[in-house]
Amino acid sequence: MSNEDDEFDWLTEMDKEILNVLGTDLTLTPSVIAENINRSQKGVGNRLSALQAGGLVEKVKRGKYKITEKGLEVAGGEWFYVTTLEGESDHEMAIKLDEDEDITDVTSIEGREVYIRRTPEEGQNEENTDS
């Protein structure tokens, strides 16, 4: 695992933020990514070029990017799609999610629908080695 960590020691904090946004399995433009992570579009565009060169994201359409399998591995964790219960407030849901220490990110999509990211369990990535 250490070799893999060394391989990606060039990643910046912005790179990690970009990978987290793209980790929702959405195909996005640099401007949408920039808006979601509160960074400049130019800065995001520059980092997307570096991430693409590193094989962590790919350009799928003119000006649109998505994360690669390798990028998902580097980002760590998995995204799960959930919806709130009928009548459950955003505040109630936020409290529940905040109590779960395995959840590292919550992304609201279309009001009541959200994506949550769980951290991988210790050794989870090592179990997925080739046979």
N, C-alpha and C. Protein backbone atom coordinates (compact mmCIF):
# COMPACT_ATOMS: atom_id res chain seq x y z
N MET A 1 0.83 -1.20 0.00
CA MET A 1 0.00 0.00 0.00
C MET A 1 0.87 1.25 0.00
N SER A 2 2.00 1.17 0.64
CA SER A 2 2.90 2.31 0.72
C SER A 2 3.38 2.76 -0.65
N ASN A 3 3.66 1.80 -1.53
CA ASN A 3 4.09 2.14 -2.89
C ASN A 3 3.01 2.92 -3.62
N GLU A 4 1.76 2.52 -3.42
CA GLU A 4 0.65 3.23 -4.06
C GLU A 4 0.56 4.65 -3.51
N ASP A 5 0.74 4.80 -2.19
CA ASP A 5 0.70 6.13 -1.59
C ASP A 5 1.81 7.01 -2.17
N ASP A 6 3.02 6.45 -2.31
CA ASP A 6 4.14 7.20 -2.88
C ASP A 6 3.87 7.59 -4.33
N GLU A 7 3.19 6.70 -5.05
CA GLU A 7 2.89 6.96 -6.46
C GLU A 7 2.03 8.22 -6.63
N PHE A 8 1.21 8.52 -5.64
CA PHE A 8 0.30 9.66 -5.74
C PHE A 8 0.62 10.75 -4.72
N ASP A 9 1.88 10.85 -4.32
CA ASP A 9 2.24 11.88 -3.34
C ASP A 9 2.21 13.28 -3.94
N TRP A 10 2.00 13.38 -5.25
CA TRP A 10 1.90 14.67 -5.93
C TRP A 10 0.51 15.29 -5.81
N LEU A 11 -0.46 14.53 -5.30
CA LEU A 11 -1.82 15.04 -5.19
C LEU A 11 -1.89 16.22 -4.23
N THR A 12 -2.58 17.26 -4.65
CA THR A 12 -2.78 18.43 -3.79
C THR A 12 -4.13 18.29 -3.07
N GLU A 13 -4.36 19.19 -2.14
CA GLU A 13 -5.65 19.20 -1.45
C GLU A 13 -6.78 19.44 -2.45
N MET A 14 -6.54 20.32 -3.43
CA MET A 14 -7.56 20.58 -4.45
C MET A 14 -7.83 19.32 -5.27
N ASP A 15 -6.78 18.55 -5.58
CA ASP A 15 -6.96 17.30 -6.33
C ASP A 15 -7.91 16.38 -5.58
N LYS A 16 -7.71 16.26 -4.28
CA LYS A 16 -8.56 15.39 -3.45
C LYS A 16 -10.00 15.88 -3.45
N GLU A 17 -10.18 17.19 -3.39
CA GLU A 17 -11.53 17.77 -3.43
C GLU A 17 -12.20 17.46 -4.77
N ILE A 18 -11.44 17.59 -5.85
CA ILE A 18 -11.97 17.30 -7.19
C ILE A 18 -12.36 15.83 -7.29
N LEU A 19 -11.50 14.94 -6.82
CA LEU A 19 -11.79 13.50 -6.86
C LEU A 19 -13.03 13.18 -6.03
N ASN A 20 -13.20 13.85 -4.90
CA ASN A 20 -14.39 13.61 -4.08
C ASN A 20 -15.66 14.03 -4.80
N VAL A 21 -15.63 15.16 -5.49
CA VAL A 21 -16.81 15.61 -6.24
C VAL A 21 -17.10 14.64 -7.39
N LEU A 22 -16.07 14.27 -8.13
CA LEU A 22 -16.27 13.35 -9.26
C LEU A 22 -16.55 11.93 -8.78
N GLY A 23 -16.23 11.64 -7.52
CA GLY A 23 -16.49 10.32 -6.95
C GLY A 23 -17.95 9.98 -6.83
N THR A 24 -18.83 10.95 -7.04
CA THR A 24 -20.27 10.70 -7.04
C THR A 24 -20.73 10.08 -8.34
N ASP A 25 -19.78 9.79 -9.23
CA ASP A 25 -20.03 9.16 -10.53
C ASP A 25 -20.78 10.09 -11.48
N LEU A 26 -20.58 11.38 -11.30
CA LEU A 26 -21.16 12.36 -12.21
C LEU A 26 -20.11 12.79 -13.22
N THR A 27 -20.54 13.20 -14.40
CA THR A 27 -19.67 13.78 -15.41
C THR A 27 -19.89 15.29 -15.36
N LEU A 28 -18.83 16.03 -15.03
CA LEU A 28 -18.99 17.46 -14.75
C LEU A 28 -17.99 18.32 -15.50
N THR A 29 -18.35 19.58 -15.68
CA THR A 29 -17.45 20.56 -16.28
C THR A 29 -16.57 21.17 -15.18
N PRO A 30 -15.44 21.74 -15.56
CA PRO A 30 -14.59 22.40 -14.56
C PRO A 30 -15.33 23.50 -13.78
N SER A 31 -16.23 24.23 -14.45
CA SER A 31 -16.94 25.30 -13.75
C SER A 31 -17.87 24.75 -12.67
N VAL A 32 -18.54 23.64 -12.93
CA VAL A 32 -19.42 23.03 -11.93
C VAL A 32 -18.59 22.48 -10.76
N ILE A 33 -17.48 21.84 -11.08
CA ILE A 33 -16.59 21.33 -10.03
C ILE A 33 -16.09 22.50 -9.17
N ALA A 34 -15.63 23.56 -9.83
CA ALA A 34 -15.11 24.73 -9.12
C ALA A 34 -16.15 25.32 -8.17
N GLU A 35 -17.38 25.40 -8.63
CA GLU A 35 -18.45 25.95 -7.80
C GLU A 35 -18.69 25.06 -6.58
N ASN A 36 -18.62 23.74 -6.75
CA ASN A 36 -18.88 22.82 -5.66
C ASN A 36 -17.78 22.78 -4.61
N ILE A 37 -16.55 23.09 -5.00
CA ILE A 37 -15.45 23.05 -4.03
C ILE A 37 -14.94 24.45 -3.67
N ASN A 38 -15.64 25.46 -4.19
CA ASN A 38 -15.31 26.86 -3.89
C ASN A 38 -13.87 27.21 -4.28
N ARG A 39 -13.51 26.85 -5.50
CA ARG A 39 -12.18 27.15 -6.05
C ARG A 39 -12.38 27.84 -7.40
N SER A 40 -11.29 28.38 -7.95
CA SER A 40 -11.39 29.06 -9.24
C SER A 40 -11.49 28.03 -10.37
N GLN A 41 -12.21 28.41 -11.42
CA GLN A 41 -12.36 27.53 -12.57
C GLN A 41 -11.00 27.27 -13.22
N LYS A 42 -10.17 28.30 -13.29
CA LYS A 42 -8.84 28.14 -13.89
C LYS A 42 -8.00 27.15 -13.09
N GLY A 43 -8.02 27.28 -11.77
CA GLY A 43 -7.27 26.36 -10.91
C GLY A 43 -7.75 24.93 -11.05
N VAL A 44 -9.07 24.74 -11.09
CA VAL A 44 -9.64 23.41 -11.27
C VAL A 44 -9.24 22.85 -12.63
N GLY A 45 -9.30 23.68 -13.66
CA GLY A 45 -8.90 23.23 -15.00
C GLY A 45 -7.46 22.76 -15.04
N ASN A 46 -6.57 23.50 -14.38
CA ASN A 46 -5.16 23.10 -14.32
C ASN A 46 -4.99 21.77 -13.60
N ARG A 47 -5.69 21.59 -12.48
CA ARG A 47 -5.55 20.35 -11.72
C ARG A 47 -6.21 19.17 -12.45
N LEU A 48 -7.28 19.43 -13.19
CA LEU A 48 -7.90 18.35 -13.98
C LEU A 48 -6.92 17.83 -15.03
N SER A 49 -6.12 18.73 -15.61
CA SER A 49 -5.11 18.30 -16.58
C SER A 49 -4.09 17.38 -15.92
N ALA A 50 -3.66 17.74 -14.71
CA ALA A 50 -2.70 16.91 -13.97
C ALA A 50 -3.33 15.57 -13.59
N LEU A 51 -4.58 15.60 -13.14
CA LEU A 51 -5.27 14.36 -12.77
C LEU A 51 -5.49 13.46 -13.98
N GLN A 52 -5.76 14.07 -15.13
CA GLN A 52 -5.92 13.31 -16.36
C GLN A 52 -4.60 12.66 -16.75
N ALA A 53 -3.51 13.39 -16.66
CA ALA A 53 -2.18 12.85 -16.98
C ALA A 53 -1.82 11.70 -16.04
N GLY A 54 -2.31 11.77 -14.79
CA GLY A 54 -2.05 10.71 -13.82
C GLY A 54 -3.01 9.54 -13.92
N GLY A 55 -3.97 9.62 -14.85
CA GLY A 55 -4.91 8.52 -15.05
C GLY A 55 -6.03 8.46 -14.02
N LEU A 56 -6.25 9.54 -13.28
CA LEU A 56 -7.26 9.53 -12.23
C LEU A 56 -8.61 10.08 -12.69
N VAL A 57 -8.60 10.90 -13.73
CA VAL A 57 -9.84 11.36 -14.36
C VAL A 57 -9.67 11.25 -15.87
N GLU A 58 -10.80 11.24 -16.56
CA GLU A 58 -10.73 11.23 -18.02
C GLU A 58 -11.72 12.23 -18.58
N LYS A 59 -11.36 12.78 -19.73
CA LYS A 59 -12.23 13.71 -20.43
C LYS A 59 -13.14 12.85 -21.30
N VAL A 60 -14.45 12.95 -21.08
CA VAL A 60 -15.38 12.11 -21.82
C VAL A 60 -16.09 12.85 -22.95
N LYS A 61 -16.25 14.11 -22.78
CA LYS A 61 -16.85 14.97 -23.81
C LYS A 61 -16.08 16.27 -23.76
N ARG A 62 -16.27 17.07 -24.75
CA ARG A 62 -15.58 18.36 -24.75
C ARG A 62 -15.91 19.13 -23.47
N GLY A 63 -14.89 19.30 -22.64
CA GLY A 63 -15.07 20.08 -21.43
C GLY A 63 -15.72 19.36 -20.27
N LYS A 64 -15.93 18.05 -20.36
CA LYS A 64 -16.55 17.30 -19.26
C LYS A 64 -15.62 16.18 -18.82
N TYR A 65 -15.58 15.97 -17.51
CA TYR A 65 -14.67 14.99 -16.92
C TYR A 65 -15.42 14.02 -16.03
N LYS A 66 -14.85 12.82 -15.91
CA LYS A 66 -15.35 11.86 -14.93
C LYS A 66 -14.17 11.14 -14.30
N ILE A 67 -14.40 10.57 -13.15
CA ILE A 67 -13.35 9.87 -12.42
C ILE A 67 -13.14 8.48 -13.02
N THR A 68 -11.92 7.99 -12.99
CA THR A 68 -11.61 6.64 -13.48
C THR A 68 -11.65 5.67 -12.30
N GLU A 69 -11.58 4.37 -12.60
CA GLU A 69 -11.50 3.36 -11.54
C GLU A 69 -10.29 3.63 -10.65
N LYS A 70 -9.19 3.95 -11.28
CA LYS A 70 -7.97 4.26 -10.53
C LYS A 70 -8.20 5.47 -9.62
N GLY A 71 -8.90 6.47 -10.13
CA GLY A 71 -9.22 7.65 -9.34
C GLY A 71 -10.09 7.32 -8.14
N LEU A 72 -11.05 6.41 -8.34
CA LEU A 72 -11.91 5.99 -7.23
C LEU A 72 -11.10 5.29 -6.15
N GLU A 73 -10.15 4.46 -6.57
CA GLU A 73 -9.29 3.76 -5.61
C GLU A 73 -8.46 4.76 -4.80
N VAL A 74 -7.92 5.74 -5.49
CA VAL A 74 -7.09 6.74 -4.82
C VAL A 74 -7.94 7.59 -3.87
N ALA A 75 -9.15 7.94 -4.29
CA ALA A 75 -10.03 8.76 -3.46
C ALA A 75 -10.45 8.00 -2.20
N GLY A 76 -10.56 6.68 -2.31
CA GLY A 76 -10.94 5.87 -1.16
C GLY A 76 -12.41 5.98 -0.84
N GLY A 77 -12.91 4.98 -0.15
CA GLY A 77 -14.31 4.97 0.24
C GLY A 77 -15.23 4.65 -0.92
N GLU A 78 -16.52 4.60 -0.62
CA GLU A 78 -17.53 4.33 -1.63
C GLU A 78 -18.66 5.33 -1.43
N TRP A 79 -19.31 5.70 -2.52
CA TRP A 79 -20.47 6.58 -2.44
C TRP A 79 -21.73 5.73 -2.46
N PHE A 80 -22.67 6.04 -1.59
CA PHE A 80 -23.95 5.36 -1.54
C PHE A 80 -25.05 6.38 -1.75
N TYR A 81 -26.05 6.01 -2.53
CA TYR A 81 -27.17 6.89 -2.80
C TYR A 81 -28.27 6.58 -1.79
N VAL A 82 -28.76 7.58 -1.09
CA VAL A 82 -29.82 7.38 -0.11
C VAL A 82 -30.85 8.49 -0.26
N THR A 83 -32.04 8.24 0.25
CA THR A 83 -33.05 9.30 0.32
C THR A 83 -33.53 9.38 1.76
N THR A 84 -34.03 10.53 2.14
CA THR A 84 -34.53 10.68 3.50
C THR A 84 -35.91 10.06 3.61
N LEU A 85 -36.29 9.74 4.84
CA LEU A 85 -37.62 9.21 5.08
C LEU A 85 -38.64 10.32 4.93
N GLU A 86 -39.85 9.94 4.57
CA GLU A 86 -40.92 10.91 4.43
C GLU A 86 -41.10 11.65 5.75
N GLY A 87 -41.10 12.95 5.71
CA GLY A 87 -41.30 13.75 6.91
C GLY A 87 -40.03 14.02 7.71
N GLU A 88 -38.93 13.38 7.33
CA GLU A 88 -37.68 13.60 8.05
C GLU A 88 -37.06 14.91 7.56
N SER A 89 -36.69 15.76 8.48
CA SER A 89 -36.12 17.04 8.08
C SER A 89 -34.65 16.89 7.72
N ASP A 90 -34.13 17.86 6.98
CA ASP A 90 -32.71 17.86 6.65
C ASP A 90 -31.86 17.86 7.92
N HIS A 91 -32.33 18.60 8.92
CA HIS A 91 -31.60 18.68 10.19
C HIS A 91 -31.54 17.30 10.87
N GLU A 92 -32.67 16.58 10.91
CA GLU A 92 -32.69 15.25 11.51
C GLU A 92 -31.76 14.30 10.78
N MET A 93 -31.76 14.37 9.46
CA MET A 93 -30.89 13.51 8.68
C MET A 93 -29.43 13.87 8.93
N ALA A 94 -29.12 15.15 8.99
CA ALA A 94 -27.74 15.59 9.22
C ALA A 94 -27.23 15.08 10.57
N ILE A 95 -28.09 15.09 11.59
CA ILE A 95 -27.68 14.59 12.90
C ILE A 95 -27.37 13.10 12.82
N LYS A 96 -28.22 12.32 12.15
CA LYS A 96 -27.97 10.88 11.99
C LYS A 96 -26.66 10.62 11.26
N LEU A 97 -26.46 11.34 10.17
CA LEU A 97 -25.24 11.14 9.39
C LEU A 97 -24.01 11.57 10.17
N ASP A 98 -24.13 12.63 10.95
CA ASP A 98 -23.01 13.12 11.74
C ASP A 98 -22.61 12.12 12.82
N GLU A 99 -23.57 11.34 13.31
CA GLU A 99 -23.29 10.35 14.35
C GLU A 99 -22.55 9.13 13.80
N ASP A 100 -22.60 8.91 12.51
CA ASP A 100 -21.92 7.77 11.89
C ASP A 100 -20.50 8.19 11.55
N GLU A 101 -19.55 7.70 12.33
CA GLU A 101 -18.15 8.13 12.15
C GLU A 101 -17.52 7.62 10.86
N ASP A 102 -18.16 6.65 10.18
CA ASP A 102 -17.61 6.15 8.92
C ASP A 102 -17.94 7.04 7.74
N ILE A 103 -18.85 7.97 7.92
CA ILE A 103 -19.24 8.85 6.82
C ILE A 103 -18.33 10.07 6.82
N THR A 104 -17.71 10.32 5.68
CA THR A 104 -16.78 11.44 5.59
C THR A 104 -17.33 12.61 4.78
N ASP A 105 -18.23 12.36 3.86
CA ASP A 105 -18.77 13.43 3.02
C ASP A 105 -20.25 13.20 2.77
N VAL A 106 -21.00 14.27 2.67
CA VAL A 106 -22.40 14.21 2.29
C VAL A 106 -22.62 15.23 1.19
N THR A 107 -23.20 14.80 0.08
CA THR A 107 -23.47 15.70 -1.04
C THR A 107 -24.96 15.69 -1.32
N SER A 108 -25.60 16.83 -1.19
CA SER A 108 -27.03 16.94 -1.43
C SER A 108 -27.30 17.07 -2.92
N ILE A 109 -28.21 16.27 -3.40
CA ILE A 109 -28.61 16.31 -4.81
C ILE A 109 -30.13 16.41 -4.85
N GLU A 110 -30.66 17.43 -5.48
CA GLU A 110 -32.10 17.56 -5.67
C GLU A 110 -32.88 17.52 -4.35
N GLY A 111 -32.44 18.27 -3.40
CA GLY A 111 -33.19 18.38 -2.15
C GLY A 111 -33.07 17.20 -1.22
N ARG A 112 -33.96 16.24 -1.32
CA ARG A 112 -34.03 15.14 -0.38
C ARG A 112 -33.09 13.98 -0.71
N GLU A 113 -32.56 13.93 -1.90
CA GLU A 113 -31.68 12.84 -2.28
C GLU A 113 -30.25 13.22 -1.99
N VAL A 114 -29.47 12.31 -1.45
CA VAL A 114 -28.09 12.61 -1.13
C VAL A 114 -27.18 11.45 -1.49
N TYR A 115 -25.92 11.76 -1.64
CA TYR A 115 -24.88 10.76 -1.75
C TYR A 115 -24.04 10.87 -0.49
N ILE A 116 -23.73 9.72 0.11
CA ILE A 116 -22.86 9.74 1.28
C ILE A 116 -21.64 8.90 0.98
N ARG A 117 -20.53 9.26 1.57
CA ARG A 117 -19.28 8.55 1.34
C ARG A 117 -18.84 7.89 2.64
N ARG A 118 -18.63 6.60 2.59
CA ARG A 118 -18.13 5.86 3.74
C ARG A 118 -16.65 5.61 3.55
N THR A 119 -15.92 5.69 4.63
CA THR A 119 -14.50 5.41 4.56
C THR A 119 -14.30 3.90 4.43
N PRO A 120 -13.28 3.46 3.69
CA PRO A 120 -13.03 2.02 3.58
C PRO A 120 -12.54 1.47 4.91
N GLU A 121 -12.92 0.22 5.19
CA GLU A 121 -12.43 -0.42 6.39
C GLU A 121 -10.96 -0.76 6.21
N GLU A 122 -10.25 -0.84 7.32
CA GLU A 122 -8.82 -1.15 7.29
C GLU A 122 -8.58 -2.43 6.50
N GLY A 123 -7.70 -2.36 5.50
CA GLY A 123 -7.35 -3.54 4.71
C GLY A 123 -8.33 -3.86 3.60
N GLN A 124 -9.40 -3.08 3.44
CA GLN A 124 -10.41 -3.38 2.43
C GLN A 124 -9.83 -3.37 1.03
N ASN A 125 -8.99 -2.38 0.70
CA ASN A 125 -8.41 -2.30 -0.64
C ASN A 125 -7.45 -3.43 -0.91
N GLU A 126 -6.75 -3.95 0.13
CA GLU A 126 -5.81 -5.03 -0.08
C GLU A 126 -6.50 -6.34 -0.41
N GLU A 127 -7.78 -6.49 0.01
CA GLU A 127 -8.52 -7.71 -0.26
C GLU A 127 -8.86 -7.84 -1.74
N ASN A 128 -8.90 -6.75 -2.46
CA ASN A 128 -9.29 -6.76 -3.86
C ASN A 128 -8.10 -6.93 -4.79
N THR A 129 -7.15 -7.78 -4.43
CA THR A 129 -5.99 -8.00 -5.28
C THR A 129 -6.30 -9.07 -6.31
N ASP A 130 -5.54 -9.06 -7.41
CA ASP A 130 -5.76 -10.04 -8.48
C ASP A 130 -5.44 -11.44 -7.99
N SER A 131 -6.22 -12.43 -8.46
CA SER A 131 -5.99 -13.82 -8.05
C SER A 131 -4.93 -14.46 -8.90
